[in-house]
Each structure stands twice: as C-alpha cells, then as structure tokens.
N, C-alpha and C. Protein backbone atom coordinates (compact mmCIF):
# COMPACT_ATOMS: atom_id res chain seq x y z
N MET A 1 -29.32 39.71 65.58
CA MET A 1 -28.21 38.75 65.57
C MET A 1 -27.52 38.73 64.21
N ALA A 2 -28.31 38.89 63.13
CA ALA A 2 -27.73 38.76 61.79
C ALA A 2 -26.56 39.71 61.57
N GLY A 3 -26.68 40.91 62.09
CA GLY A 3 -25.66 41.90 61.80
C GLY A 3 -24.38 41.75 62.59
N ASN A 4 -24.44 41.06 63.73
CA ASN A 4 -23.24 41.06 64.57
C ASN A 4 -22.76 39.67 64.98
N VAL A 5 -23.37 38.61 64.46
CA VAL A 5 -23.00 37.27 64.92
C VAL A 5 -21.54 36.95 64.63
N LEU A 6 -20.97 37.49 63.57
CA LEU A 6 -19.59 37.18 63.23
C LEU A 6 -18.62 38.27 63.63
N SER A 7 -19.12 39.34 64.23
CA SER A 7 -18.21 40.40 64.64
C SER A 7 -17.28 39.86 65.72
N GLY A 8 -16.00 40.14 65.56
CA GLY A 8 -15.02 39.65 66.52
C GLY A 8 -14.59 38.21 66.27
N GLN A 9 -15.21 37.55 65.28
CA GLN A 9 -14.85 36.17 64.96
C GLN A 9 -13.88 36.17 63.78
N SER A 10 -12.64 35.79 64.03
CA SER A 10 -11.67 35.73 62.93
C SER A 10 -11.72 34.39 62.22
N VAL A 11 -12.23 33.38 62.92
CA VAL A 11 -12.35 32.04 62.34
C VAL A 11 -13.78 31.56 62.48
N ILE A 12 -14.34 31.06 61.39
CA ILE A 12 -15.70 30.53 61.40
C ILE A 12 -15.63 29.01 61.44
N VAL A 13 -16.36 28.41 62.36
CA VAL A 13 -16.41 26.96 62.44
C VAL A 13 -17.49 26.45 61.50
N VAL A 14 -17.08 25.62 60.56
CA VAL A 14 -18.02 25.02 59.61
C VAL A 14 -18.29 23.59 60.06
N ALA A 15 -19.56 23.29 60.28
CA ALA A 15 -19.94 22.00 60.85
C ALA A 15 -19.99 20.91 59.79
N THR A 16 -18.81 20.52 59.32
CA THR A 16 -18.72 19.44 58.34
C THR A 16 -17.36 18.75 58.47
N LYS A 17 -17.30 17.50 58.02
CA LYS A 17 -16.04 16.78 57.91
C LYS A 17 -15.72 16.50 56.44
N ASN A 18 -16.48 17.11 55.55
CA ASN A 18 -16.29 16.94 54.12
C ASN A 18 -15.21 17.91 53.64
N LYS A 19 -14.06 17.37 53.23
CA LYS A 19 -12.92 18.22 52.86
C LYS A 19 -13.25 19.11 51.66
N GLY A 20 -14.06 18.60 50.73
CA GLY A 20 -14.44 19.40 49.58
C GLY A 20 -15.24 20.62 49.98
N LYS A 21 -16.19 20.43 50.89
CA LYS A 21 -16.99 21.56 51.37
C LYS A 21 -16.12 22.56 52.14
N VAL A 22 -15.21 22.05 52.95
CA VAL A 22 -14.33 22.94 53.72
C VAL A 22 -13.56 23.85 52.78
N LYS A 23 -13.03 23.30 51.70
CA LYS A 23 -12.28 24.09 50.73
C LYS A 23 -13.15 25.17 50.10
N GLU A 24 -14.39 24.81 49.74
CA GLU A 24 -15.28 25.78 49.10
C GLU A 24 -15.64 26.90 50.07
N PHE A 25 -15.93 26.56 51.32
CA PHE A 25 -16.26 27.59 52.30
C PHE A 25 -15.05 28.48 52.57
N ALA A 26 -13.89 27.88 52.69
CA ALA A 26 -12.69 28.67 52.96
C ALA A 26 -12.43 29.65 51.83
N HIS A 27 -12.62 29.20 50.60
CA HIS A 27 -12.39 30.06 49.45
C HIS A 27 -13.38 31.22 49.43
N ALA A 28 -14.64 30.94 49.77
CA ALA A 28 -15.67 31.98 49.74
C ALA A 28 -15.52 32.97 50.89
N LEU A 29 -15.19 32.47 52.08
CA LEU A 29 -15.19 33.32 53.27
C LEU A 29 -13.89 34.10 53.45
N GLU A 30 -12.85 33.73 52.70
CA GLU A 30 -11.62 34.50 52.82
C GLU A 30 -11.82 35.93 52.33
N LYS A 31 -12.84 36.14 51.49
CA LYS A 31 -13.15 37.49 51.02
C LYS A 31 -13.62 38.39 52.16
N LEU A 32 -14.11 37.77 53.24
CA LEU A 32 -14.55 38.53 54.41
C LEU A 32 -13.42 38.68 55.42
N GLY A 33 -12.25 38.14 55.07
CA GLY A 33 -11.14 38.17 56.01
C GLY A 33 -11.32 37.16 57.12
N LYS A 34 -12.12 36.12 56.87
CA LYS A 34 -12.38 35.10 57.88
C LYS A 34 -11.66 33.80 57.53
N GLY A 35 -11.04 33.20 58.52
CA GLY A 35 -10.50 31.86 58.34
C GLY A 35 -11.58 30.83 58.62
N VAL A 36 -11.31 29.59 58.29
CA VAL A 36 -12.29 28.53 58.48
C VAL A 36 -11.65 27.36 59.22
N SER A 37 -12.35 26.88 60.24
CA SER A 37 -12.01 25.59 60.83
C SER A 37 -13.23 24.69 60.61
N SER A 38 -13.07 23.42 60.84
CA SER A 38 -14.17 22.50 60.60
C SER A 38 -14.17 21.41 61.66
N LEU A 39 -15.13 20.51 61.58
CA LEU A 39 -15.18 19.42 62.56
C LEU A 39 -14.02 18.46 62.40
N LEU A 40 -13.28 18.56 61.28
CA LEU A 40 -12.05 17.78 61.15
C LEU A 40 -11.02 18.21 62.19
N ASP A 41 -11.15 19.46 62.66
CA ASP A 41 -10.23 19.99 63.66
C ASP A 41 -10.66 19.66 65.08
N TYR A 42 -11.84 19.06 65.23
CA TYR A 42 -12.38 18.74 66.55
C TYR A 42 -12.83 17.28 66.58
N PRO A 43 -11.88 16.36 66.54
CA PRO A 43 -12.25 14.93 66.49
C PRO A 43 -13.03 14.45 67.70
N GLU A 44 -13.00 15.23 68.77
CA GLU A 44 -13.74 14.82 69.97
C GLU A 44 -15.25 14.95 69.79
N ILE A 45 -15.67 15.72 68.79
CA ILE A 45 -17.10 15.88 68.54
C ILE A 45 -17.58 14.71 67.68
N PRO A 46 -18.54 13.92 68.17
CA PRO A 46 -19.00 12.76 67.41
C PRO A 46 -19.76 13.18 66.15
N ASP A 47 -19.94 12.23 65.25
CA ASP A 47 -20.73 12.51 64.06
C ASP A 47 -22.12 12.98 64.45
N ILE A 48 -22.61 13.96 63.74
CA ILE A 48 -23.92 14.55 64.04
C ILE A 48 -24.98 13.88 63.17
N PRO A 49 -26.01 13.29 63.77
CA PRO A 49 -27.05 12.63 62.98
C PRO A 49 -27.75 13.65 62.08
N GLU A 50 -27.96 13.28 60.83
CA GLU A 50 -28.68 14.13 59.89
C GLU A 50 -30.03 13.48 59.62
N ASP A 51 -30.95 13.64 60.58
CA ASP A 51 -32.22 12.94 60.49
C ASP A 51 -33.39 13.88 60.20
N GLY A 52 -33.10 15.08 59.69
CA GLY A 52 -34.17 15.98 59.29
C GLY A 52 -34.77 15.53 57.96
N ASP A 53 -35.98 16.02 57.67
CA ASP A 53 -36.63 15.62 56.43
C ASP A 53 -36.49 16.66 55.32
N THR A 54 -35.72 17.73 55.59
CA THR A 54 -35.43 18.73 54.57
C THR A 54 -33.97 19.14 54.69
N PHE A 55 -33.44 19.76 53.63
CA PHE A 55 -32.07 20.26 53.69
C PHE A 55 -31.93 21.30 54.80
N ALA A 56 -32.91 22.19 54.92
CA ALA A 56 -32.85 23.25 55.93
C ALA A 56 -32.83 22.68 57.34
N ALA A 57 -33.65 21.65 57.57
CA ALA A 57 -33.69 21.04 58.91
C ALA A 57 -32.35 20.42 59.27
N ASN A 58 -31.73 19.73 58.32
CA ASN A 58 -30.43 19.12 58.59
C ASN A 58 -29.35 20.17 58.84
N ALA A 59 -29.41 21.27 58.10
CA ALA A 59 -28.43 22.34 58.32
C ALA A 59 -28.56 22.90 59.74
N ARG A 60 -29.79 23.11 60.18
CA ARG A 60 -30.01 23.62 61.55
C ARG A 60 -29.51 22.63 62.60
N ILE A 61 -29.78 21.35 62.38
CA ILE A 61 -29.35 20.32 63.34
C ILE A 61 -27.83 20.34 63.50
N LYS A 62 -27.13 20.39 62.37
CA LYS A 62 -25.65 20.34 62.42
C LYS A 62 -25.07 21.62 63.01
N ALA A 63 -25.62 22.77 62.63
CA ALA A 63 -25.10 24.03 63.14
C ALA A 63 -25.29 24.12 64.66
N LYS A 64 -26.46 23.74 65.13
CA LYS A 64 -26.75 23.82 66.57
C LYS A 64 -25.87 22.86 67.37
N ALA A 65 -25.72 21.64 66.87
CA ALA A 65 -24.91 20.66 67.60
C ALA A 65 -23.46 21.13 67.71
N ALA A 66 -22.91 21.64 66.61
CA ALA A 66 -21.52 22.10 66.63
C ALA A 66 -21.37 23.36 67.46
N GLY A 67 -22.29 24.30 67.30
CA GLY A 67 -22.22 25.55 68.05
C GLY A 67 -22.33 25.34 69.54
N ASP A 68 -23.26 24.49 69.96
CA ASP A 68 -23.43 24.22 71.39
C ASP A 68 -22.22 23.49 71.95
N ALA A 69 -21.64 22.57 71.18
CA ALA A 69 -20.49 21.80 71.66
C ALA A 69 -19.25 22.66 71.81
N LEU A 70 -19.08 23.64 70.91
CA LEU A 70 -17.86 24.45 70.91
C LEU A 70 -18.04 25.81 71.56
N GLY A 71 -19.28 26.22 71.74
CA GLY A 71 -19.54 27.51 72.39
C GLY A 71 -19.25 28.71 71.51
N VAL A 72 -19.23 28.52 70.20
CA VAL A 72 -19.00 29.61 69.25
C VAL A 72 -19.99 29.48 68.10
N PRO A 73 -20.22 30.57 67.35
CA PRO A 73 -21.11 30.47 66.19
C PRO A 73 -20.62 29.41 65.21
N ALA A 74 -21.55 28.66 64.66
CA ALA A 74 -21.18 27.58 63.73
C ALA A 74 -22.05 27.68 62.48
N LEU A 75 -21.42 27.45 61.35
CA LEU A 75 -22.09 27.47 60.06
C LEU A 75 -22.19 26.05 59.53
N ALA A 76 -23.38 25.65 59.13
CA ALA A 76 -23.57 24.31 58.58
C ALA A 76 -24.36 24.40 57.28
N ASP A 77 -24.10 23.44 56.43
CA ASP A 77 -24.91 23.35 55.22
C ASP A 77 -25.43 21.93 55.10
N ASP A 78 -26.54 21.80 54.42
CA ASP A 78 -26.94 20.49 53.95
C ASP A 78 -27.28 20.69 52.49
N SER A 79 -26.71 19.86 51.68
CA SER A 79 -26.89 20.04 50.25
C SER A 79 -27.06 18.69 49.58
N GLY A 80 -27.60 18.72 48.39
CA GLY A 80 -27.80 17.46 47.69
C GLY A 80 -28.37 17.69 46.31
N LEU A 81 -28.71 16.60 45.71
CA LEU A 81 -29.14 16.57 44.32
C LEU A 81 -30.58 16.10 44.21
N ARG A 82 -31.37 16.84 43.45
CA ARG A 82 -32.72 16.42 43.11
C ARG A 82 -32.75 16.10 41.62
N VAL A 83 -33.12 14.88 41.29
CA VAL A 83 -33.15 14.46 39.89
C VAL A 83 -34.60 14.29 39.46
N GLU A 84 -34.98 15.02 38.43
CA GLU A 84 -36.37 15.05 37.99
C GLU A 84 -36.90 13.66 37.65
N ALA A 85 -36.14 12.88 36.88
CA ALA A 85 -36.61 11.57 36.44
C ALA A 85 -36.77 10.59 37.60
N LEU A 86 -36.14 10.89 38.73
CA LEU A 86 -36.23 10.02 39.91
C LEU A 86 -37.17 10.60 40.96
N GLY A 87 -38.01 11.52 40.56
CA GLY A 87 -38.98 12.09 41.50
C GLY A 87 -38.36 12.92 42.60
N GLY A 88 -37.17 13.47 42.34
CA GLY A 88 -36.50 14.30 43.35
C GLY A 88 -35.43 13.58 44.14
N ARG A 89 -35.33 12.25 43.97
CA ARG A 89 -34.24 11.53 44.64
C ARG A 89 -32.91 11.90 43.98
N PRO A 90 -31.80 11.76 44.72
CA PRO A 90 -31.67 11.25 46.09
C PRO A 90 -32.00 12.26 47.19
N GLY A 91 -32.13 13.55 46.90
CA GLY A 91 -32.57 14.52 47.90
C GLY A 91 -31.70 14.55 49.14
N VAL A 92 -32.35 14.50 50.30
CA VAL A 92 -31.59 14.60 51.56
C VAL A 92 -30.71 13.38 51.80
N TYR A 93 -30.89 12.35 51.00
CA TYR A 93 -30.06 11.14 51.15
C TYR A 93 -28.88 11.15 50.17
N SER A 94 -28.60 12.29 49.55
CA SER A 94 -27.57 12.36 48.50
C SER A 94 -26.23 11.79 48.95
N ALA A 95 -25.78 12.16 50.15
CA ALA A 95 -24.44 11.75 50.60
C ALA A 95 -24.37 10.26 50.92
N ARG A 96 -25.50 9.66 51.20
CA ARG A 96 -25.52 8.23 51.55
C ARG A 96 -26.49 7.45 50.64
N TYR A 97 -26.59 7.90 49.40
CA TYR A 97 -27.51 7.29 48.45
C TYR A 97 -27.21 5.80 48.25
N ALA A 98 -25.94 5.44 48.20
CA ALA A 98 -25.55 4.05 48.01
C ALA A 98 -25.31 3.34 49.34
N GLY A 99 -25.73 3.94 50.44
CA GLY A 99 -25.58 3.34 51.76
C GLY A 99 -24.66 4.14 52.66
N GLU A 100 -24.71 3.88 53.95
CA GLU A 100 -23.86 4.57 54.91
C GLU A 100 -22.39 4.30 54.56
N GLY A 101 -21.59 5.35 54.58
CA GLY A 101 -20.18 5.20 54.27
C GLY A 101 -19.89 5.14 52.78
N ALA A 102 -20.91 5.41 51.95
CA ALA A 102 -20.72 5.35 50.50
C ALA A 102 -19.74 6.43 50.05
N THR A 103 -18.93 6.11 49.05
CA THR A 103 -18.02 7.09 48.45
C THR A 103 -18.75 7.84 47.35
N ASP A 104 -18.12 8.92 46.88
CA ASP A 104 -18.70 9.65 45.75
C ASP A 104 -18.89 8.73 44.55
N SER A 105 -17.90 7.89 44.31
CA SER A 105 -17.99 6.96 43.17
C SER A 105 -19.17 6.00 43.33
N ASP A 106 -19.38 5.51 44.55
CA ASP A 106 -20.51 4.62 44.82
C ASP A 106 -21.83 5.31 44.50
N ASN A 107 -21.96 6.55 44.98
CA ASN A 107 -23.21 7.28 44.78
C ASN A 107 -23.45 7.60 43.31
N ASN A 108 -22.39 7.99 42.61
CA ASN A 108 -22.53 8.29 41.19
C ASN A 108 -22.92 7.04 40.41
N ALA A 109 -22.31 5.92 40.76
CA ALA A 109 -22.63 4.66 40.07
C ALA A 109 -24.08 4.27 40.31
N LYS A 110 -24.57 4.43 41.54
CA LYS A 110 -25.96 4.08 41.81
C LYS A 110 -26.90 5.01 41.05
N LEU A 111 -26.56 6.29 41.00
CA LEU A 111 -27.41 7.24 40.28
C LEU A 111 -27.55 6.82 38.81
N LEU A 112 -26.44 6.47 38.18
CA LEU A 112 -26.50 6.06 36.78
C LEU A 112 -27.26 4.75 36.61
N ARG A 113 -27.11 3.83 37.55
CA ARG A 113 -27.87 2.57 37.49
C ARG A 113 -29.36 2.83 37.57
N GLU A 114 -29.75 3.71 38.50
CA GLU A 114 -31.17 4.02 38.67
C GLU A 114 -31.76 4.65 37.40
N LEU A 115 -31.02 5.58 36.83
CA LEU A 115 -31.51 6.26 35.62
C LEU A 115 -31.55 5.29 34.44
N SER A 116 -30.55 4.43 34.35
CA SER A 116 -30.55 3.43 33.28
C SER A 116 -31.70 2.45 33.45
N GLY A 117 -31.98 2.10 34.70
CA GLY A 117 -33.04 1.14 34.98
C GLY A 117 -34.42 1.59 34.56
N ILE A 118 -34.63 2.91 34.56
CA ILE A 118 -35.94 3.43 34.14
C ILE A 118 -35.89 3.98 32.71
N GLY A 119 -34.74 3.81 32.07
CA GLY A 119 -34.61 4.27 30.68
C GLY A 119 -34.67 5.77 30.54
N ALA A 120 -34.18 6.49 31.55
CA ALA A 120 -34.26 7.96 31.53
C ALA A 120 -33.41 8.53 30.39
N THR A 121 -33.99 9.44 29.64
CA THR A 121 -33.25 10.14 28.59
C THR A 121 -34.00 11.39 28.18
N LEU A 122 -33.24 12.40 27.81
CA LEU A 122 -33.83 13.62 27.27
C LEU A 122 -33.75 13.60 25.74
N GLY A 123 -33.19 12.51 25.20
CA GLY A 123 -33.11 12.35 23.76
C GLY A 123 -32.11 13.28 23.09
N GLU A 124 -31.13 13.74 23.85
CA GLU A 124 -30.12 14.64 23.29
C GLU A 124 -28.73 14.12 23.64
N GLU A 125 -27.76 14.52 22.82
CA GLU A 125 -26.38 14.17 23.07
C GLU A 125 -25.50 15.42 23.03
N LEU A 126 -24.38 15.35 23.77
CA LEU A 126 -23.37 16.40 23.70
C LEU A 126 -22.42 16.09 22.54
N PRO A 127 -21.62 17.06 22.14
CA PRO A 127 -20.68 16.83 21.03
C PRO A 127 -19.77 15.63 21.22
N ASP A 128 -19.45 15.27 22.47
CA ASP A 128 -18.56 14.13 22.71
C ASP A 128 -19.31 12.80 22.74
N GLY A 129 -20.62 12.84 22.46
CA GLY A 129 -21.41 11.62 22.43
C GLY A 129 -22.10 11.28 23.74
N SER A 130 -21.84 12.06 24.80
CA SER A 130 -22.51 11.83 26.07
C SER A 130 -24.01 12.05 25.93
N LYS A 131 -24.77 11.21 26.60
CA LYS A 131 -26.22 11.34 26.56
C LYS A 131 -26.71 12.16 27.75
N LEU A 132 -27.71 12.99 27.50
CA LEU A 132 -28.35 13.76 28.57
C LEU A 132 -29.52 12.94 29.10
N LEU A 133 -29.49 12.64 30.40
CA LEU A 133 -30.44 11.68 30.97
C LEU A 133 -31.64 12.31 31.65
N SER A 134 -31.41 13.36 32.44
CA SER A 134 -32.51 13.96 33.19
C SER A 134 -32.15 15.35 33.67
N ARG A 135 -33.14 16.21 33.73
CA ARG A 135 -32.93 17.50 34.37
C ARG A 135 -32.72 17.27 35.87
N ALA A 136 -31.95 18.16 36.47
CA ALA A 136 -31.63 17.99 37.88
C ALA A 136 -31.33 19.35 38.50
N GLN A 137 -31.26 19.36 39.81
CA GLN A 137 -30.99 20.60 40.54
C GLN A 137 -30.17 20.28 41.78
N PHE A 138 -29.08 21.03 41.95
CA PHE A 138 -28.35 21.00 43.20
C PHE A 138 -28.99 22.02 44.15
N VAL A 139 -29.13 21.65 45.42
CA VAL A 139 -29.73 22.52 46.44
C VAL A 139 -28.77 22.62 47.62
N CYS A 140 -28.63 23.81 48.16
CA CYS A 140 -27.82 24.01 49.37
C CYS A 140 -28.60 24.87 50.35
N ALA A 141 -28.78 24.36 51.57
CA ALA A 141 -29.37 25.13 52.65
C ALA A 141 -28.28 25.43 53.67
N LEU A 142 -28.16 26.69 54.07
CA LEU A 142 -27.16 27.11 55.06
C LEU A 142 -27.85 27.57 56.33
N ALA A 143 -27.21 27.26 57.45
CA ALA A 143 -27.69 27.75 58.75
C ALA A 143 -26.49 28.21 59.56
N LEU A 144 -26.52 29.44 60.02
CA LEU A 144 -25.50 29.98 60.92
C LEU A 144 -26.15 30.12 62.29
N TYR A 145 -25.60 29.44 63.26
CA TYR A 145 -26.19 29.38 64.60
C TYR A 145 -25.30 30.07 65.62
N ASP A 146 -25.93 30.89 66.47
CA ASP A 146 -25.20 31.58 67.54
C ASP A 146 -25.64 30.99 68.88
N PRO A 147 -24.78 30.22 69.55
CA PRO A 147 -25.18 29.60 70.82
C PRO A 147 -25.45 30.62 71.92
N ALA A 148 -24.93 31.82 71.76
CA ALA A 148 -25.16 32.85 72.78
C ALA A 148 -26.60 33.33 72.79
N THR A 149 -27.26 33.27 71.64
CA THR A 149 -28.64 33.75 71.53
C THR A 149 -29.63 32.66 71.17
N GLY A 150 -29.12 31.53 70.66
CA GLY A 150 -30.01 30.46 70.22
C GLY A 150 -30.68 30.76 68.89
N GLU A 151 -30.18 31.77 68.16
CA GLU A 151 -30.82 32.18 66.91
C GLU A 151 -30.05 31.68 65.70
N PHE A 152 -30.78 31.61 64.59
CA PHE A 152 -30.21 31.16 63.32
C PHE A 152 -30.34 32.26 62.27
N VAL A 153 -29.38 32.30 61.35
CA VAL A 153 -29.52 33.03 60.09
C VAL A 153 -29.45 31.96 59.01
N GLU A 154 -30.45 31.94 58.12
CA GLU A 154 -30.53 30.88 57.14
C GLU A 154 -30.64 31.42 55.71
N ALA A 155 -30.19 30.60 54.77
CA ALA A 155 -30.27 30.98 53.35
C ALA A 155 -30.24 29.70 52.52
N GLU A 156 -30.72 29.82 51.28
CA GLU A 156 -30.73 28.66 50.38
C GLU A 156 -30.30 29.09 48.99
N GLY A 157 -29.65 28.19 48.28
CA GLY A 157 -29.25 28.44 46.90
C GLY A 157 -29.46 27.20 46.05
N THR A 158 -29.69 27.40 44.76
CA THR A 158 -29.87 26.27 43.85
C THR A 158 -29.13 26.54 42.54
N VAL A 159 -28.87 25.48 41.80
CA VAL A 159 -28.37 25.60 40.43
C VAL A 159 -28.98 24.47 39.61
N ASP A 160 -29.47 24.80 38.42
CA ASP A 160 -30.13 23.83 37.56
C ASP A 160 -29.15 23.28 36.53
N GLY A 161 -29.31 22.03 36.18
CA GLY A 161 -28.46 21.41 35.19
C GLY A 161 -29.06 20.12 34.68
N VAL A 162 -28.22 19.27 34.12
CA VAL A 162 -28.65 18.01 33.52
C VAL A 162 -27.66 16.92 33.91
N ILE A 163 -28.18 15.73 34.21
CA ILE A 163 -27.32 14.58 34.50
C ILE A 163 -26.91 13.92 33.18
N THR A 164 -25.61 13.69 33.03
CA THR A 164 -25.10 13.02 31.84
C THR A 164 -24.71 11.58 32.18
N ASP A 165 -24.54 10.77 31.13
CA ASP A 165 -24.24 9.35 31.37
C ASP A 165 -22.76 9.07 31.54
N ARG A 166 -21.94 10.11 31.50
CA ARG A 166 -20.51 9.92 31.75
C ARG A 166 -19.95 11.19 32.39
N PRO A 167 -18.87 11.06 33.15
CA PRO A 167 -18.33 12.23 33.85
C PRO A 167 -17.64 13.22 32.90
N HIS A 168 -17.67 14.48 33.33
CA HIS A 168 -16.95 15.55 32.63
C HIS A 168 -16.17 16.35 33.67
N GLY A 169 -14.85 16.35 33.56
CA GLY A 169 -14.02 17.10 34.50
C GLY A 169 -13.65 16.28 35.71
N ASP A 170 -12.59 16.71 36.38
CA ASP A 170 -12.14 16.00 37.58
C ASP A 170 -12.04 16.92 38.78
N GLY A 171 -12.70 18.07 38.70
CA GLY A 171 -12.74 18.97 39.85
C GLY A 171 -13.99 18.71 40.67
N GLY A 172 -14.15 19.48 41.74
CA GLY A 172 -15.35 19.34 42.56
C GLY A 172 -15.38 18.03 43.32
N PHE A 173 -16.57 17.63 43.74
CA PHE A 173 -16.75 16.41 44.52
C PHE A 173 -18.22 16.02 44.43
N GLY A 174 -18.58 14.93 45.08
CA GLY A 174 -19.97 14.49 45.05
C GLY A 174 -20.41 14.13 43.64
N TYR A 175 -21.56 14.66 43.27
CA TYR A 175 -22.13 14.36 41.95
C TYR A 175 -21.66 15.33 40.86
N ASP A 176 -20.73 16.20 41.20
CA ASP A 176 -20.27 17.21 40.24
C ASP A 176 -19.89 16.65 38.86
N PRO A 177 -19.17 15.52 38.79
CA PRO A 177 -18.73 15.06 37.47
C PRO A 177 -19.88 14.71 36.52
N LEU A 178 -21.06 14.39 37.05
CA LEU A 178 -22.19 14.01 36.21
C LEU A 178 -23.15 15.17 35.94
N PHE A 179 -22.85 16.36 36.48
CA PHE A 179 -23.78 17.48 36.42
C PHE A 179 -23.34 18.45 35.32
N TRP A 180 -24.11 18.50 34.25
CA TRP A 180 -23.79 19.34 33.09
C TRP A 180 -24.57 20.66 33.17
N LEU A 181 -23.89 21.74 32.82
CA LEU A 181 -24.50 23.07 32.85
C LEU A 181 -24.73 23.54 31.41
N PRO A 182 -25.94 23.36 30.88
CA PRO A 182 -26.21 23.77 29.49
C PRO A 182 -25.91 25.25 29.25
N GLN A 183 -26.14 26.08 30.28
CA GLN A 183 -25.94 27.52 30.10
C GLN A 183 -24.47 27.88 29.89
N LEU A 184 -23.58 27.00 30.34
CA LEU A 184 -22.14 27.24 30.18
C LEU A 184 -21.49 26.30 29.17
N GLY A 185 -22.21 25.23 28.81
CA GLY A 185 -21.64 24.25 27.90
C GLY A 185 -20.49 23.49 28.51
N ARG A 186 -20.50 23.33 29.84
CA ARG A 186 -19.46 22.59 30.55
C ARG A 186 -20.07 21.86 31.74
N GLY A 187 -19.33 20.86 32.23
CA GLY A 187 -19.73 20.22 33.46
C GLY A 187 -19.28 21.04 34.65
N ILE A 188 -19.99 20.93 35.75
CA ILE A 188 -19.63 21.74 36.92
C ILE A 188 -18.26 21.33 37.46
N ALA A 189 -17.85 20.07 37.20
CA ALA A 189 -16.53 19.62 37.65
C ALA A 189 -15.41 20.13 36.75
N GLU A 190 -15.75 20.84 35.66
CA GLU A 190 -14.76 21.43 34.77
C GLU A 190 -14.50 22.90 35.10
N LEU A 191 -15.22 23.45 36.07
CA LEU A 191 -15.09 24.86 36.39
C LEU A 191 -13.94 25.10 37.37
N THR A 192 -13.38 26.31 37.32
CA THR A 192 -12.42 26.72 38.34
C THR A 192 -13.18 27.01 39.63
N LYS A 193 -12.44 27.16 40.72
CA LYS A 193 -13.09 27.49 42.00
C LYS A 193 -13.88 28.78 41.89
N GLU A 194 -13.30 29.76 41.18
CA GLU A 194 -13.97 31.06 41.04
C GLU A 194 -15.25 30.93 40.23
N GLU A 195 -15.17 30.17 39.14
CA GLU A 195 -16.35 29.97 38.29
C GLU A 195 -17.44 29.21 39.03
N LYS A 196 -17.04 28.17 39.75
CA LYS A 196 -18.03 27.39 40.48
C LYS A 196 -18.67 28.22 41.59
N GLY A 197 -17.85 28.98 42.30
CA GLY A 197 -18.38 29.81 43.38
C GLY A 197 -19.36 30.85 42.88
N ALA A 198 -19.21 31.26 41.63
CA ALA A 198 -20.10 32.29 41.08
C ALA A 198 -21.48 31.78 40.72
N ILE A 199 -21.59 30.45 40.46
CA ILE A 199 -22.89 29.94 40.00
C ILE A 199 -23.42 28.76 40.80
N SER A 200 -22.61 28.16 41.67
CA SER A 200 -23.03 26.93 42.33
C SER A 200 -24.11 27.17 43.38
N HIS A 201 -24.77 26.09 43.75
CA HIS A 201 -25.80 26.17 44.79
C HIS A 201 -25.22 26.66 46.10
N ARG A 202 -24.00 26.20 46.44
CA ARG A 202 -23.37 26.65 47.68
C ARG A 202 -22.94 28.11 47.56
N GLY A 203 -22.46 28.48 46.38
CA GLY A 203 -22.10 29.87 46.14
C GLY A 203 -23.29 30.79 46.25
N GLU A 204 -24.42 30.38 45.67
CA GLU A 204 -25.63 31.19 45.72
C GLU A 204 -26.15 31.31 47.16
N ALA A 205 -26.09 30.21 47.90
CA ALA A 205 -26.55 30.25 49.29
C ALA A 205 -25.65 31.16 50.13
N LEU A 206 -24.34 31.10 49.90
CA LEU A 206 -23.42 31.96 50.63
C LEU A 206 -23.67 33.43 50.32
N LYS A 207 -23.92 33.75 49.05
CA LYS A 207 -24.22 35.14 48.68
C LYS A 207 -25.45 35.62 49.44
N ALA A 208 -26.50 34.78 49.47
CA ALA A 208 -27.73 35.18 50.16
C ALA A 208 -27.48 35.33 51.66
N LEU A 209 -26.66 34.45 52.24
CA LEU A 209 -26.37 34.54 53.67
C LEU A 209 -25.59 35.81 53.98
N LEU A 210 -24.62 36.14 53.15
CA LEU A 210 -23.79 37.32 53.39
C LEU A 210 -24.62 38.60 53.31
N VAL A 211 -25.59 38.62 52.39
CA VAL A 211 -26.50 39.77 52.31
C VAL A 211 -27.23 39.96 53.63
N LYS A 212 -27.70 38.87 54.20
CA LYS A 212 -28.41 38.95 55.48
C LYS A 212 -27.49 39.40 56.60
N LEU A 213 -26.25 38.92 56.57
CA LEU A 213 -25.30 39.29 57.64
C LEU A 213 -24.88 40.75 57.56
N GLU A 214 -24.96 41.33 56.36
CA GLU A 214 -24.53 42.71 56.18
C GLU A 214 -25.62 43.72 56.52
N ARG A 215 -26.83 43.22 56.78
CA ARG A 215 -27.93 44.14 57.09
C ARG A 215 -27.74 44.77 58.48
C-alpha cells in the first residue's frame, strides 16, 4: 500500500480544520505535485473525537474517520508539546490545554502560568533578557489511511527546543512563539516556511512519511 496509495491522487485530504496545519501541509506536499484539501472543505463531516492516549493513536483515529467518510485516502496528524519541567504536559492535550475551544493565546498563557507556578527556570537568559524556562519537544505523528485496503502508513518527527517566558516572532501557530531553538538562535515563530519545514516536527514527520511512500 505504501508505494501506491497516492498514485492517481492529485489532491490529498488532510484530516484537520486547523488552518495553520493546512498551510504547512500544502507547502510541503506541493513538491510532490499534490494539492491539499481539508475538513474545512467538508463541513458536513462532524468534529472527530481525539480520545487516543498517544499522538499516533489520535492520528490514526482522525485519518480513518475522514478516509471512511470521504472514500479517499486521508492524511492526519496529531501533534503537541512535551515540556520537561511539567512532566511531559501538555502532551496529547496540547490543543485544548486551557479547555475545550481554547485559543492559542489561552494555551500559551496557561503554559506560562504553570511554569511560573513551579518556578521553572534553566537559569539562563537570551540577549533580549528573555528567560529560558524549560527544555521541551514538539512531536508530530502522521497517519495516512487508505479506506480501500484499511491500511495505514505512519511516521513521527520531533524537534527539541526551550520554552521562553516571552514570545519571539509572529509566524507559525500554537506554541510556536514560546519555542526557542538554541541550535539556530531564533524562535520557531521567527522562521520562514522553508526554514520551519526543514527542521520542524511536522517537517521531519513528512520527510519520514515520504520516504516510506517512495519505497
């Protein structure tokens, strides 16, 4: 299935309503000559419960639900943030860390409150005076589901960084503004689409998935 699931498919359905994710997938998959549609284009499909206990489980749930509903292969991701000082939270609850319907700003504010509440610090500052609070990791699990065969192709990607006490950059979405990349000396929200795609957790997962699809 891995080698031919996308053959004959000019448009890939991405099982998300997150506009930021849709843009990132569209940018990455255009290199394959593939267009992208998303669940934003299919309002008749209800929200898909994300009740798995791992990123990979949630990706499979979303891909299967969308693929079965539309009758075409569907690609889904589940991604989030693991913060060392918080024991890996928010994890699979990243998108709804501050509650159902939470905005990115709500989630970022709660993250900083939680870290402040436990006095998290790495004892270092950036040149602009920002404090480094905790090591962290973005994780992305991808699942491509083919309803014709019931099979999945899966991949995972990660990127390591540090949570800062103030935002850097206005690009990206989610927790990007608080995620500092020591190896680049910039925040992930300060990167161009090309730069982010080259090192991000979603970019790494897509690279791994494409390798599997090309076999």
